[in-house]
Every structure is written in C-alpha cells, then in structure tokens.
PDB file of N, CA and C in Angstrom:
ATOM      1  N   MET A   1       0.831  -1.170   0.000  1.00  0.00           N
ATOM      2  CA  MET A   1       0.000   0.000   0.000  1.00  0.00           C
ATOM      3  C   MET A   1       0.887   1.249   0.000  1.00  0.00           C
ATOM      4  N   ALA A   2       0.605   2.132  -0.914  1.00  0.00           N
ATOM      5  CA  ALA A   2       1.419   3.342  -1.062  1.00  0.00           C
ATOM      6  C   ALA A   2       1.024   4.376  -0.015  1.00  0.00           C
ATOM      7  N   ALA A   3       2.021   5.038   0.527  1.00  0.00           N
ATOM      8  CA  ALA A   3       1.746   6.075   1.528  1.00  0.00           C
ATOM      9  C   ALA A   3       1.298   7.340   0.818  1.00  0.00           C
ATOM     10  N   LYS A   4       0.395   8.036   1.463  1.00  0.00           N
ATOM     11  CA  LYS A   4      -0.090   9.300   0.899  1.00  0.00           C
ATOM     12  C   LYS A   4       0.959  10.388   1.113  1.00  0.00           C
ATOM     13  N   LEU A   5       1.219  11.128   0.070  1.00  0.00           N
ATOM     14  CA  LEU A   5       2.147  12.245   0.167  1.00  0.00           C
ATOM     15  C   LEU A   5       1.395  13.493   0.611  1.00  0.00           C
ATOM     16  N   PRO A   6       1.996  14.293   1.473  1.00  0.00           N
ATOM     17  CA  PRO A   6       1.316  15.529   1.875  1.00  0.00           C
ATOM     18  C   PRO A   6       1.199  16.483   0.687  1.00  0.00           C
ATOM     19  N   THR A   7       0.098  17.150   0.605  1.00  0.00           N
ATOM     20  CA  THR A   7      -0.123  18.113  -0.483  1.00  0.00           C
ATOM     21  C   THR A   7      -0.123  19.522   0.070  1.00  0.00           C
ATOM     22  N   ARG A   8       0.236  20.434  -0.768  1.00  0.00           N
ATOM     23  CA  ARG A   8       0.222  21.835  -0.360  1.00  0.00           C
ATOM     24  C   ARG A   8      -1.173  22.396  -0.518  1.00  0.00           C
ATOM     25  N   ALA A   9      -1.490  23.293   0.361  1.00  0.00           N
ATOM     26  CA  ALA A   9      -2.795  23.944   0.272  1.00  0.00           C
ATOM     27  C   ALA A   9      -2.799  24.911  -0.908  1.00  0.00           C
ATOM     28  N   PRO A  10      -3.872  24.955  -1.715  1.00  0.00           N
ATOM     29  CA  PRO A  10      -3.899  25.872  -2.856  1.00  0.00           C
ATOM     30  C   PRO A  10      -3.921  27.338  -2.445  1.00  0.00           C
ATOM     31  N   THR A  11      -4.281  27.624  -1.197  1.00  0.00           N
ATOM     32  CA  THR A  11      -4.326  29.020  -0.766  1.00  0.00           C
ATOM     33  C   THR A  11      -2.936  29.633  -0.697  1.00  0.00           C
ATOM     34  N   ARG A  12      -1.910  28.798  -0.516  1.00  0.00           N
ATOM     35  CA  ARG A  12      -0.555  29.339  -0.458  1.00  0.00           C
ATOM     36  C   ARG A  12      -0.191  30.015  -1.770  1.00  0.00           C
ATOM     37  N   TRP A  13      -0.549  29.417  -2.896  1.00  0.00           N
ATOM     38  CA  TRP A  13      -0.249  29.999  -4.194  1.00  0.00           C
ATOM     39  C   TRP A  13      -1.083  31.240  -4.437  1.00  0.00           C
ATOM     40  N   ASN A  14      -2.301  31.284  -3.905  1.00  0.00           N
ATOM     41  CA  ASN A  14      -3.125  32.483  -4.053  1.00  0.00           C
ATOM     42  C   ASN A  14      -2.505  33.666  -3.312  1.00  0.00           C
ATOM     43  N   VAL A  15      -1.908  33.393  -2.166  1.00  0.00           N
ATOM     44  CA  VAL A  15      -1.263  34.462  -1.392  1.00  0.00           C
ATOM     45  C   VAL A  15      -0.053  34.988  -2.154  1.00  0.00           C
ATOM     46  N   VAL A  16       0.734  34.091  -2.718  1.00  0.00           N
ATOM     47  CA  VAL A  16       1.907  34.516  -3.488  1.00  0.00           C
ATOM     48  C   VAL A  16       1.474  35.339  -4.695  1.00  0.00           C
ATOM     49  N   ALA A  17       0.436  34.889  -5.401  1.00  0.00           N
ATOM     50  CA  ALA A  17      -0.059  35.636  -6.559  1.00  0.00           C
ATOM     51  C   ALA A  17      -0.589  37.001  -6.147  1.00  0.00           C
ATOM     52  N   ALA A  18      -1.244  37.074  -4.993  1.00  0.00           N
ATOM     53  CA  ALA A  18      -1.779  38.358  -4.526  1.00  0.00           C
ATOM     54  C   ALA A  18      -0.652  39.331  -4.185  1.00  0.00           C
ATOM     55  N   VAL A  19       0.409  38.840  -3.552  1.00  0.00           N
ATOM     56  CA  VAL A  19       1.525  39.711  -3.188  1.00  0.00           C
ATOM     57  C   VAL A  19       2.242  40.210  -4.443  1.00  0.00           C
ATOM     58  N   VAL A  20       2.495  39.307  -5.386  1.00  0.00           N
ATOM     59  CA  VAL A  20       3.149  39.723  -6.622  1.00  0.00           C
ATOM     60  C   VAL A  20       2.264  40.692  -7.394  1.00  0.00           C
ATOM     61  N   GLY A  21       0.966  40.414  -7.430  1.00  0.00           N
ATOM     62  CA  GLY A  21       0.040  41.316  -8.112  1.00  0.00           C
ATOM     63  C   GLY A  21      -0.001  42.687  -7.476  1.00  0.00           C
ATOM     64  N   ARG A  22       0.079  42.734  -6.157  1.00  0.00           N
ATOM     65  CA  ARG A  22       0.070  44.012  -5.466  1.00  0.00           C
ATOM     66  C   ARG A  22       1.348  44.794  -5.758  1.00  0.00           C
ATOM     67  N   LEU A  23       2.473  44.085  -5.870  1.00  0.00           N
ATOM     68  CA  LEU A  23       3.739  44.760  -6.168  1.00  0.00           C
ATOM     69  C   LEU A  23       3.746  45.392  -7.548  1.00  0.00           C
ATOM     70  N   ILE A  24       3.132  44.741  -8.510  1.00  0.00           N
ATOM     71  CA  ILE A  24       3.160  45.288  -9.866  1.00  0.00           C
ATOM     72  C   ILE A  24       1.897  46.056 -10.206  1.00  0.00           C
ATOM     73  N   GLY A  25       1.003  46.224  -9.231  1.00  0.00           N
ATOM     74  CA  GLY A  25      -0.158  47.077  -9.426  1.00  0.00           C
ATOM     75  C   GLY A  25      -1.301  46.431 -10.174  1.00  0.00           C
ATOM     76  N   LEU A  26      -1.491  45.133 -10.022  1.00  0.00           N
ATOM     77  CA  LEU A  26      -2.565  44.461 -10.737  1.00  0.00           C
ATOM     78  C   LEU A  26      -3.598  43.883  -9.778  1.00  0.00           C
ATOM     79  N   THR A  27      -3.837  44.495  -8.652  1.00  0.00           N
ATOM     80  CA  THR A  27      -4.785  43.950  -7.693  1.00  0.00           C
ATOM     81  C   THR A  27      -6.207  44.134  -8.179  1.00  0.00           C
ATOM     82  N   GLY A  28      -6.943  43.056  -8.201  1.00  0.00           N
ATOM     83  CA  GLY A  28      -8.363  43.113  -8.558  1.00  0.00           C
ATOM     84  C   GLY A  28      -8.624  43.176 -10.043  1.00  0.00           C
ATOM     85  N   ARG A  29      -8.084  44.151 -10.723  1.00  0.00           N
ATOM     86  CA  ARG A  29      -8.321  44.326 -12.150  1.00  0.00           C
ATOM     87  C   ARG A  29      -7.084  44.957 -12.762  1.00  0.00           C
ATOM     88  N   ARG A  30      -6.977  44.847 -14.043  1.00  0.00           N
ATOM     89  CA  ARG A  30      -5.825  45.449 -14.723  1.00  0.00           C
ATOM     90  C   ARG A  30      -5.977  46.963 -14.740  1.00  0.00           C
ATOM     91  N   ARG A  31      -4.916  47.632 -14.466  1.00  0.00           N
ATOM     92  CA  ARG A  31      -4.932  49.093 -14.482  1.00  0.00           C
ATOM     93  C   ARG A  31      -4.082  49.580 -15.635  1.00  0.00           C
ATOM     94  N   GLY A  32      -4.555  50.620 -16.287  1.00  0.00           N
ATOM     95  CA  GLY A  32      -3.760  51.234 -17.350  1.00  0.00           C
ATOM     96  C   GLY A  32      -2.727  52.165 -16.766  1.00  0.00           C
ATOM     97  N   ALA A  33      -1.816  52.618 -17.594  1.00  0.00           N
ATOM     98  CA  ALA A  33      -0.749  53.501 -17.127  1.00  0.00           C
ATOM     99  C   ALA A  33      -1.310  54.842 -16.660  1.00  0.00           C
ATOM    100  N   ALA A  34      -2.446  55.243 -17.209  1.00  0.00           N
ATOM    101  CA  ALA A  34      -3.007  56.544 -16.838  1.00  0.00           C
ATOM    102  C   ALA A  34      -3.616  56.518 -15.444  1.00  0.00           C
ATOM    103  N   SER A  35      -4.050  55.342 -14.961  1.00  0.00           N
ATOM    104  CA  SER A  35      -4.720  55.296 -13.669  1.00  0.00           C
ATOM    105  C   SER A  35      -3.779  54.912 -12.541  1.00  0.00           C
ATOM    106  N   VAL A  36      -2.511  54.724 -12.811  1.00  0.00           N
ATOM    107  CA  VAL A  36      -1.564  54.343 -11.782  1.00  0.00           C
ATOM    108  C   VAL A  36      -1.322  55.530 -10.861  1.00  0.00           C
ATOM    109  N   GLY A  37      -1.582  55.336  -9.588  1.00  0.00           N
ATOM    110  CA  GLY A  37      -1.322  56.374  -8.606  1.00  0.00           C
ATOM    111  C   GLY A  37      -2.205  57.598  -8.736  1.00  0.00           C
ATOM    112  N   MET A  38      -3.474  57.430  -9.021  1.00  0.00           N
ATOM    113  CA  MET A  38      -4.349  58.577  -9.227  1.00  0.00           C
ATOM    114  C   MET A  38      -5.043  59.014  -7.934  1.00  0.00           C
ATOM    115  N   ARG A  39      -4.463  58.712  -6.790  1.00  0.00           N
ATOM    116  CA  ARG A  39      -5.065  59.119  -5.525  1.00  0.00           C
ATOM    117  C   ARG A  39      -4.699  60.560  -5.228  1.00  0.00           C
ATOM    118  N   ARG A  40      -5.513  61.456  -5.639  1.00  0.00           N
ATOM    119  CA  ARG A  40      -5.213  62.886  -5.478  1.00  0.00           C
ATOM    120  C   ARG A  40      -5.557  63.397  -4.092  1.00  0.00           C
ATOM    121  N   ASP A  41      -6.378  62.642  -3.345  1.00  0.00           N
ATOM    122  CA  ASP A  41      -6.796  63.126  -2.043  1.00  0.00           C
ATOM    123  C   ASP A  41      -5.646  63.170  -1.043  1.00  0.00           C
ATOM    124  N   ARG A  42      -4.539  62.477  -1.293  1.00  0.00           N
ATOM    125  CA  ARG A  42      -3.417  62.478  -0.368  1.00  0.00           C
ATOM    126  C   ARG A  42      -2.440  63.617  -0.620  1.00  0.00           C
ATOM    127  N   LEU A  43      -2.545  64.283  -1.741  1.00  0.00           N
ATOM    128  CA  LEU A  43      -1.626  65.380  -2.025  1.00  0.00           C
ATOM    129  C   LEU A  43      -2.085  66.660  -1.347  1.00  0.00           C
ATOM    130  N   ALA A  44      -1.141  67.390  -0.828  1.00  0.00           N
ATOM    131  CA  ALA A  44      -1.470  68.679  -0.244  1.00  0.00           C
ATOM    132  C   ALA A  44      -1.731  69.673  -1.367  1.00  0.00           C
ATOM    133  N   THR A  45      -2.509  70.691  -1.076  1.00  0.00           N
ATOM    134  CA  THR A  45      -2.788  71.697  -2.098  1.00  0.00           C
ATOM    135  C   THR A  45      -1.525  72.504  -2.363  1.00  0.00           C
ATOM    136  N   PRO A  46      -1.268  72.862  -3.613  1.00  0.00           N
ATOM    137  CA  PRO A  46      -0.039  73.589  -3.917  1.00  0.00           C
ATOM    138  C   PRO A  46      -0.092  75.005  -3.354  1.00  0.00           C
ATOM    139  N   PRO A  47       1.041  75.555  -2.955  1.00  0.00           N
ATOM    140  CA  PRO A  47       1.052  76.918  -2.430  1.00  0.00           C
ATOM    141  C   PRO A  47       0.757  77.912  -3.547  1.00  0.00           C
ATOM    142  N   PRO A  48       0.210  79.073  -3.206  1.00  0.00           N
ATOM    143  CA  PRO A  48      -0.173  80.042  -4.224  1.00  0.00           C
ATOM    144  C   PRO A  48       1.015  80.698  -4.929  1.00  0.00           C
ATOM    145  N   THR A  49       2.216  80.618  -4.385  1.00  0.00           N
ATOM    146  CA  THR A  49       3.361  81.282  -4.992  1.00  0.00           C
ATOM    147  C   THR A  49       3.887  80.565  -6.228  1.00  0.00           C
ATOM    148  N   GLY A  50       3.486  79.344  -6.465  1.00  0.00           N
ATOM    149  CA  GLY A  50       3.945  78.602  -7.623  1.00  0.00           C
ATOM    150  C   GLY A  50       5.129  77.702  -7.325  1.00  0.00           C
ATOM    151  N   ALA A  51       5.814  77.924  -6.203  1.00  0.00           N
ATOM    152  CA  ALA A  51       6.913  77.043  -5.819  1.00  0.00           C
ATOM    153  C   ALA A  51       6.334  75.764  -5.216  1.00  0.00           C
ATOM    154  N   PRO A  52       6.942  74.610  -5.504  1.00  0.00           N
ATOM    155  CA  PRO A  52       6.393  73.375  -4.945  1.00  0.00           C
ATOM    156  C   PRO A  52       6.566  73.321  -3.429  1.00  0.00           C
ATOM    157  N   ASP A  53       5.520  72.900  -2.763  1.00  0.00           N
ATOM    158  CA  ASP A  53       5.549  72.736  -1.322  1.00  0.00           C
ATOM    159  C   ASP A  53       6.375  71.492  -0.993  1.00  0.00           C
ATOM    160  N   PRO A  54       7.345  71.583  -0.101  1.00  0.00           N
ATOM    161  CA  PRO A  54       8.175  70.408   0.206  1.00  0.00           C
ATOM    162  C   PRO A  54       7.370  69.229   0.734  1.00  0.00           C
ATOM    163  N   VAL A  55       6.319  69.514   1.490  1.00  0.00           N
ATOM    164  CA  VAL A  55       5.490  68.439   2.028  1.00  0.00           C
ATOM    165  C   VAL A  55       4.751  67.723   0.895  1.00  0.00           C
ATOM    166  N   SER A  56       4.198  68.471  -0.043  1.00  0.00           N
ATOM    167  CA  SER A  56       3.474  67.836  -1.133  1.00  0.00           C
ATOM    168  C   SER A  56       4.418  67.061  -2.048  1.00  0.00           C
ATOM    169  N   VAL A  57       5.650  67.531  -2.203  1.00  0.00           N
ATOM    170  CA  VAL A  57       6.622  66.792  -3.002  1.00  0.00           C
ATOM    171  C   VAL A  57       6.982  65.479  -2.306  1.00  0.00           C
ATOM    172  N   ALA A  58       7.144  65.519  -0.988  1.00  0.00           N
ATOM    173  CA  ALA A  58       7.444  64.291  -0.240  1.00  0.00           C
ATOM    174  C   ALA A  58       6.281  63.307  -0.307  1.00  0.00           C
ATOM    175  N   ILE A  59       5.060  63.809  -0.178  1.00  0.00           N
ATOM    176  CA  ILE A  59       3.881  62.941  -0.275  1.00  0.00           C
ATOM    177  C   ILE A  59       3.801  62.333  -1.668  1.00  0.00           C
ATOM    178  N   PHE A  60       4.048  63.132  -2.677  1.00  0.00           N
ATOM    179  CA  PHE A  60       4.029  62.646  -4.056  1.00  0.00           C
ATOM    180  C   PHE A  60       5.073  61.551  -4.260  1.00  0.00           C
ATOM    181  N   ALA A  61       6.262  61.773  -3.720  1.00  0.00           N
ATOM    182  CA  ALA A  61       7.332  60.789  -3.883  1.00  0.00           C
ATOM    183  C   ALA A  61       6.996  59.481  -3.181  1.00  0.00           C
ATOM    184  N   ILE A  62       6.421  59.571  -1.992  1.00  0.00           N
ATOM    185  CA  ILE A  62       6.079  58.359  -1.247  1.00  0.00           C
ATOM    186  C   ILE A  62       4.922  57.628  -1.898  1.00  0.00           C
ATOM    187  N   ASP A  63       3.873  58.343  -2.276  1.00  0.00           N
ATOM    188  CA  ASP A  63       2.666  57.706  -2.802  1.00  0.00           C
ATOM    189  C   ASP A  63       2.783  57.233  -4.241  1.00  0.00           C
ATOM    190  N   ARG A  64       3.497  57.935  -5.068  1.00  0.00           N
ATOM    191  CA  ARG A  64       3.502  57.605  -6.496  1.00  0.00           C
ATOM    192  C   ARG A  64       4.845  57.157  -7.036  1.00  0.00           C
ATOM    193  N   VAL A  65       5.898  57.848  -6.676  1.00  0.00           N
ATOM    194  CA  VAL A  65       7.199  57.528  -7.262  1.00  0.00           C
ATOM    195  C   VAL A  65       7.746  56.220  -6.692  1.00  0.00           C
ATOM    196  N   GLY A  66       7.593  56.000  -5.399  1.00  0.00           N
ATOM    197  CA  GLY A  66       8.088  54.764  -4.787  1.00  0.00           C
ATOM    198  C   GLY A  66       7.486  53.508  -5.403  1.00  0.00           C
ATOM    199  N   PRO A  67       6.146  53.386  -5.409  1.00  0.00           N
ATOM    200  CA  PRO A  67       5.551  52.206  -6.044  1.00  0.00           C
ATOM    201  C   PRO A  67       5.837  52.115  -7.542  1.00  0.00           C
ATOM    202  N   ALA A  68       5.975  53.253  -8.210  1.00  0.00           N
ATOM    203  CA  ALA A  68       6.267  53.232  -9.648  1.00  0.00           C
ATOM    204  C   ALA A  68       7.662  52.670  -9.914  1.00  0.00           C
ATOM    205  N   THR A  69       8.634  52.977  -9.043  1.00  0.00           N
ATOM    206  CA  THR A  69       9.969  52.423  -9.231  1.00  0.00           C
ATOM    207  C   THR A  69       9.980  50.917  -9.019  1.00  0.00           C
ATOM    208  N   VAL A  70       9.186  50.438  -8.074  1.00  0.00           N
ATOM    209  CA  VAL A  70       9.092  48.995  -7.853  1.00  0.00           C
ATOM    210  C   VAL A  70       8.459  48.320  -9.065  1.00  0.00           C
ATOM    211  N   ARG A  71       7.380  48.917  -9.598  1.00  0.00           N
ATOM    212  CA  ARG A  71       6.735  48.336 -10.788  1.00  0.00           C
ATOM    213  C   ARG A  71       7.666  48.355 -11.989  1.00  0.00           C
ATOM    214  N   ALA A  72       8.389  49.439 -12.185  1.00  0.00           N
ATOM    215  CA  ALA A  72       9.311  49.524 -13.320  1.00  0.00           C
ATOM    216  C   ALA A  72      10.425  48.493 -13.192  1.00  0.00           C
ATOM    217  N   CYS A  73      10.886  48.271 -11.982  1.00  0.00           N
ATOM    218  CA  CYS A  73      11.937  47.280 -11.755  1.00  0.00           C
ATOM    219  C   CYS A  73      11.399  45.870 -11.958  1.00  0.00           C
ATOM    220  N   ALA A  74      10.180  45.605 -11.484  1.00  0.00           N
ATOM    221  CA  ALA A  74       9.614  44.258 -11.581  1.00  0.00           C
ATOM    222  C   ALA A  74       9.166  43.924 -12.996  1.00  0.00           C
ATOM    223  N   ILE A  75       8.548  44.879 -13.675  1.00  0.00           N
ATOM    224  CA  ILE A  75       7.995  44.623 -15.000  1.00  0.00           C
ATOM    225  C   ILE A  75       9.025  44.884 -16.090  1.00  0.00           C
ATOM    226  N   GLY A  76       9.800  45.935 -15.944  1.00  0.00           N
ATOM    227  CA  GLY A  76      10.790  46.287 -16.948  1.00  0.00           C
ATOM    228  C   GLY A  76      10.246  47.133 -18.083  1.00  0.00           C
ATOM    229  N   THR A  77       9.053  47.700 -17.906  1.00  0.00           N
ATOM    230  CA  THR A  77       8.475  48.581 -18.915  1.00  0.00           C
ATOM    231  C   THR A  77       8.262  49.966 -18.323  1.00  0.00           C
ATOM    232  N   ALA A  78       8.012  50.935 -19.190  1.00  0.00           N
ATOM    233  CA  ALA A  78       7.828  52.319 -18.744  1.00  0.00           C
ATOM    234  C   ALA A  78       6.553  52.464 -17.918  1.00  0.00           C
ATOM    235  N   VAL A  79       6.634  53.262 -16.871  1.00  0.00           N
ATOM    236  CA  VAL A  79       5.503  53.548 -15.987  1.00  0.00           C
ATOM    237  C   VAL A  79       5.278  55.049 -16.009  1.00  0.00           C
ATOM    238  N   ARG A  80       4.029  55.460 -16.176  1.00  0.00           N
ATOM    239  CA  ARG A  80       3.689  56.881 -16.223  1.00  0.00           C
ATOM    240  C   ARG A  80       2.980  57.262 -14.933  1.00  0.00           C
ATOM    241  N   ILE A  81       3.454  58.334 -14.298  1.00  0.00           N
ATOM    242  CA  ILE A  81       2.793  58.873 -13.120  1.00  0.00           C
ATOM    243  C   ILE A  81       2.435  60.319 -13.408  1.00  0.00           C
ATOM    244  N   SER A  82       1.360  60.795 -12.795  1.00  0.00           N
ATOM    245  CA  SER A  82       0.907  62.153 -13.076  1.00  0.00           C
ATOM    246  C   SER A  82       1.084  63.033 -11.846  1.00  0.00           C
ATOM    247  N   ALA A  83       1.593  64.238 -12.078  1.00  0.00           N
ATOM    248  CA  ALA A  83       1.776  65.231 -11.026  1.00  0.00           C
ATOM    249  C   ALA A  83       0.673  66.274 -11.129  1.00  0.00           C
ATOM    250  N   ARG A  84       0.406  66.918 -10.028  1.00  0.00           N
ATOM    251  CA  ARG A  84      -0.665  67.915  -9.999  1.00  0.00           C
ATOM    252  C   ARG A  84      -0.285  69.188 -10.744  1.00  0.00           C
ATOM    253  N   ASP A  85       0.964  69.619 -10.591  1.00  0.00           N
ATOM    254  CA  ASP A  85       1.393  70.848 -11.256  1.00  0.00           C
ATOM    255  C   ASP A  85       2.785  70.659 -11.865  1.00  0.00           C
ATOM    256  N   GLU A  86       3.153  71.578 -12.712  1.00  0.00           N
ATOM    257  CA  GLU A  86       4.420  71.470 -13.440  1.00  0.00           C
ATOM    258  C   GLU A  86       5.627  71.651 -12.526  1.00  0.00           C
ATOM    259  N   ALA A  87       5.493  72.465 -11.474  1.00  0.00           N
ATOM    260  CA  ALA A  87       6.618  72.687 -10.560  1.00  0.00           C
ATOM    261  C   ALA A  87       6.987  71.397  -9.832  1.00  0.00           C
ATOM    262  N   THR A  88       5.985  70.656  -9.366  1.00  0.00           N
ATOM    263  CA  THR A  88       6.243  69.378  -8.703  1.00  0.00           C
ATOM    264  C   THR A  88       6.833  68.382  -9.689  1.00  0.00           C
ATOM    265  N   ALA A  89       6.300  68.359 -10.899  1.00  0.00           N
ATOM    266  CA  ALA A  89       6.812  67.441 -11.920  1.00  0.00           C
ATOM    267  C   ALA A  89       8.270  67.735 -12.247  1.00  0.00           C
ATOM    268  N   THR A  90       8.642  69.002 -12.276  1.00  0.00           N
ATOM    269  CA  THR A  90      10.018  69.388 -12.558  1.00  0.00           C
ATOM    270  C   THR A  90      10.963  68.894 -11.465  1.00  0.00           C
ATOM    271  N   VAL A  91      10.539  69.036 -10.205  1.00  0.00           N
ATOM    272  CA  VAL A  91      11.362  68.575  -9.084  1.00  0.00           C
ATOM    273  C   VAL A  91      11.535  67.059  -9.141  1.00  0.00           C
ATOM    274  N   ILE A  92      10.449  66.339  -9.407  1.00  0.00           N
ATOM    275  CA  ILE A  92      10.514  64.879  -9.462  1.00  0.00           C
ATOM    276  C   ILE A  92      11.361  64.421 -10.657  1.00  0.00           C
ATOM    277  N   ARG A  93      11.218  65.081 -11.785  1.00  0.00           N
ATOM    278  CA  ARG A  93      12.049  64.728 -12.960  1.00  0.00           C
ATOM    279  C   ARG A  93      13.531  64.928 -12.659  1.00  0.00           C
ATOM    280  N   ALA A  94      13.870  66.022 -11.977  1.00  0.00           N
ATOM    281  CA  ALA A  94      15.269  66.283 -11.622  1.00  0.00           C
ATOM    282  C   ALA A  94      15.792  65.215 -10.658  1.00  0.00           C
ATOM    283  N   ALA A  95      14.959  64.831  -9.696  1.00  0.00           N
ATOM    284  CA  ALA A  95      15.366  63.790  -8.746  1.00  0.00           C
ATOM    285  C   ALA A  95      15.547  62.452  -9.455  1.00  0.00           C
ATOM    286  N   LEU A  96      14.648  62.129 -10.381  1.00  0.00           N
ATOM    287  CA  LEU A  96      14.770  60.872 -11.119  1.00  0.00           C
ATOM    288  C   LEU A  96      15.990  60.855 -12.038  1.00  0.00           C
ATOM    289  N   SER A  97      16.330  62.008 -12.596  1.00  0.00           N
ATOM    290  CA  SER A  97      17.521  62.046 -13.450  1.00  0.00           C
ATOM    291  C   SER A  97      18.791  61.823 -12.626  1.00  0.00           C
ATOM    292  N   GLU A  98      18.790  62.286 -11.369  1.00  0.00           N
ATOM    293  CA  GLU A  98      19.947  62.052 -10.495  1.00  0.00           C
ATOM    294  C   GLU A  98      20.022  60.593 -10.051  1.00  0.00           C
ATOM    295  N   THR A  99      18.876  60.004  -9.682  1.00  0.00           N
ATOM    296  CA  THR A  99      18.892  58.629  -9.195  1.00  0.00           C
ATOM    297  C   THR A  99      19.044  57.622 -10.322  1.00  0.00           C
ATOM    298  N   SER A 100      18.789  58.021 -11.555  1.00  0.00           N
ATOM    299  CA  SER A 100      18.916  57.079 -12.669  1.00  0.00           C
ATOM    300  C   SER A 100      20.374  56.739 -12.966  1.00  0.00           C
ATOM    301  N   ARG A 101      21.281  57.501 -12.419  1.00  0.00           N
ATOM    302  CA  ARG A 101      22.695  57.171 -12.582  1.00  0.00           C
ATOM    303  C   ARG A 101      23.039  55.885 -11.844  1.00  0.00           C
ATOM    304  N   ALA A 102      22.431  55.691 -10.672  1.00  0.00           N
ATOM    305  CA  ALA A 102      22.680  54.489  -9.880  1.00  0.00           C
ATOM    306  C   ALA A 102      21.676  53.383 -10.181  1.00  0.00           C
ATOM    307  N   ARG A 103      20.430  53.766 -10.524  1.00  0.00           N
ATOM    308  CA  ARG A 103      19.377  52.785 -10.826  1.00  0.00           C
ATOM    309  C   ARG A 103      18.885  53.023 -12.237  1.00  0.00           C
ATOM    310  N   PRO A 104      19.270  52.214 -13.173  1.00  0.00           N
ATOM    311  CA  PRO A 104      18.848  52.423 -14.567  1.00  0.00           C
ATOM    312  C   PRO A 104      17.336  52.325 -14.771  1.00  0.00           C
ATOM    313  N   THR A 105      16.625  51.622 -13.874  1.00  0.00           N
ATOM    314  CA  THR A 105      15.177  51.486 -14.045  1.00  0.00           C
ATOM    315  C   THR A 105      14.437  52.794 -13.776  1.00  0.00           C
ATOM    316  N   ASP A 106      15.098  53.765 -13.141  1.00  0.00           N
ATOM    317  CA  ASP A 106      14.458  55.068 -12.923  1.00  0.00           C
ATOM    318  C   ASP A 106      14.250  55.818 -14.233  1.00  0.00           C
ATOM    319  N   ARG A 107      14.951  55.414 -15.285  1.00  0.00           N
ATOM    320  CA  ARG A 107      14.730  56.030 -16.596  1.00  0.00           C
ATOM    321  C   ARG A 107      13.390  55.617 -17.199  1.00  0.00           C
ATOM    322  N   LEU A 108      12.790  54.554 -16.668  1.00  0.00           N
ATOM    323  CA  LEU A 108      11.526  54.053 -17.184  1.00  0.00           C
ATOM    324  C   LEU A 108      10.319  54.805 -16.632  1.00  0.00           C
ATOM    325  N   ILE A 109      10.524  55.727 -15.707  1.00  0.00           N
ATOM    326  CA  ILE A 109       9.420  56.460 -15.090  1.00  0.00           C
ATOM    327  C   ILE A 109       9.217  57.771 -15.812  1.00  0.00           C
ATOM    328  N   GLN A 110       7.999  57.990 -16.292  1.00  0.00           N
ATOM    329  CA  GLN A 110       7.643  59.220 -16.986  1.00  0.00           C
ATOM    330  C   GLN A 110       6.712  60.030 -16.081  1.00  0.00           C
ATOM    331  N   VAL A 111       7.035  61.296 -15.868  1.00  0.00           N
ATOM    332  CA  VAL A 111       6.216  62.173 -15.038  1.00  0.00           C
ATOM    333  C   VAL A 111       5.464  63.118 -15.971  1.00  0.00           C
ATOM    334  N   VAL A 112       4.138  63.104 -15.883  1.00  0.00           N
ATOM    335  CA  VAL A 112       3.304  63.983 -16.689  1.00  0.00           C
ATOM    336  C   VAL A 112       2.449  64.824 -15.752  1.00  0.00           C
ATOM    337  N   THR A 113       1.986  65.972 -16.224  1.00  0.00           N
ATOM    338  CA  THR A 113       1.096  66.811 -15.422  1.00  0.00           C
ATOM    339  C   THR A 113      -0.336  66.599 -15.871  1.00  0.00           C
ATOM    340  N   ASP A 114      -1.248  66.855 -14.956  1.00  0.00           N
ATOM    341  CA  ASP A 114      -2.678  66.673 -15.237  1.00  0.00           C
ATOM    342  C   ASP A 114      -3.199  67.732 -16.198  1.00  0.00           C
TER     343      ASP A 114
END
C-alpha cells in the first residue's frame, strides 16, 4: 500500500499571486498607465506662490514615485505617473535624473502633469 504524500494547500499559491500582483499594481483588475497612482486626495494643495511645497513633493514621492519604481523594476516597462502641477513634476524629474545614474530602471518612469 502506497503512503499518501502531503499536499500543499492551494491558498498558499493564491497568497503569493496576490503579493506579486500588489507589487506590480494588478490587484483586482488590470490598471492602465493613466490610472496608476491617481489618488489625489493624499496630495497637499499647492502653495499660491507657484513654488512646490516640500510636504506635497514628499507625499508625491512616497505615494507615487516609490511604487512606480518597484513596478518599473519588476515589470521592466515604462511607468507613467501624473503630477498635480508642473513645478512638482520638474522637481521629481530632476530627482529621477539624479537617481537614474545608480538605478537604470528610474529612466523608465515618466512624469506627466494633469
């Protein structure tokens, strides 16, 4: 009589797929490049002087640029993120051009304004 071999639970693979999907931004449904990071409620309102607010730039970097760099590294294709104003986009583009020297995948991130 043959001994039964232990089997793995199928939920383990579902958890792995969910984590990988969350890393590349495919949770629940496929998202287009235009809808990546479109949570505008977390951004602070821009100051009236036209200069980017340091707090809003930090929030933008944490909420949109960080996950976009992970997706660009994991997928290897260009990722588009949208900034609220041109001043913030300019700061983020300058930061990405500096970090792309050490991380080539930062060249895959495109910053556009709304």
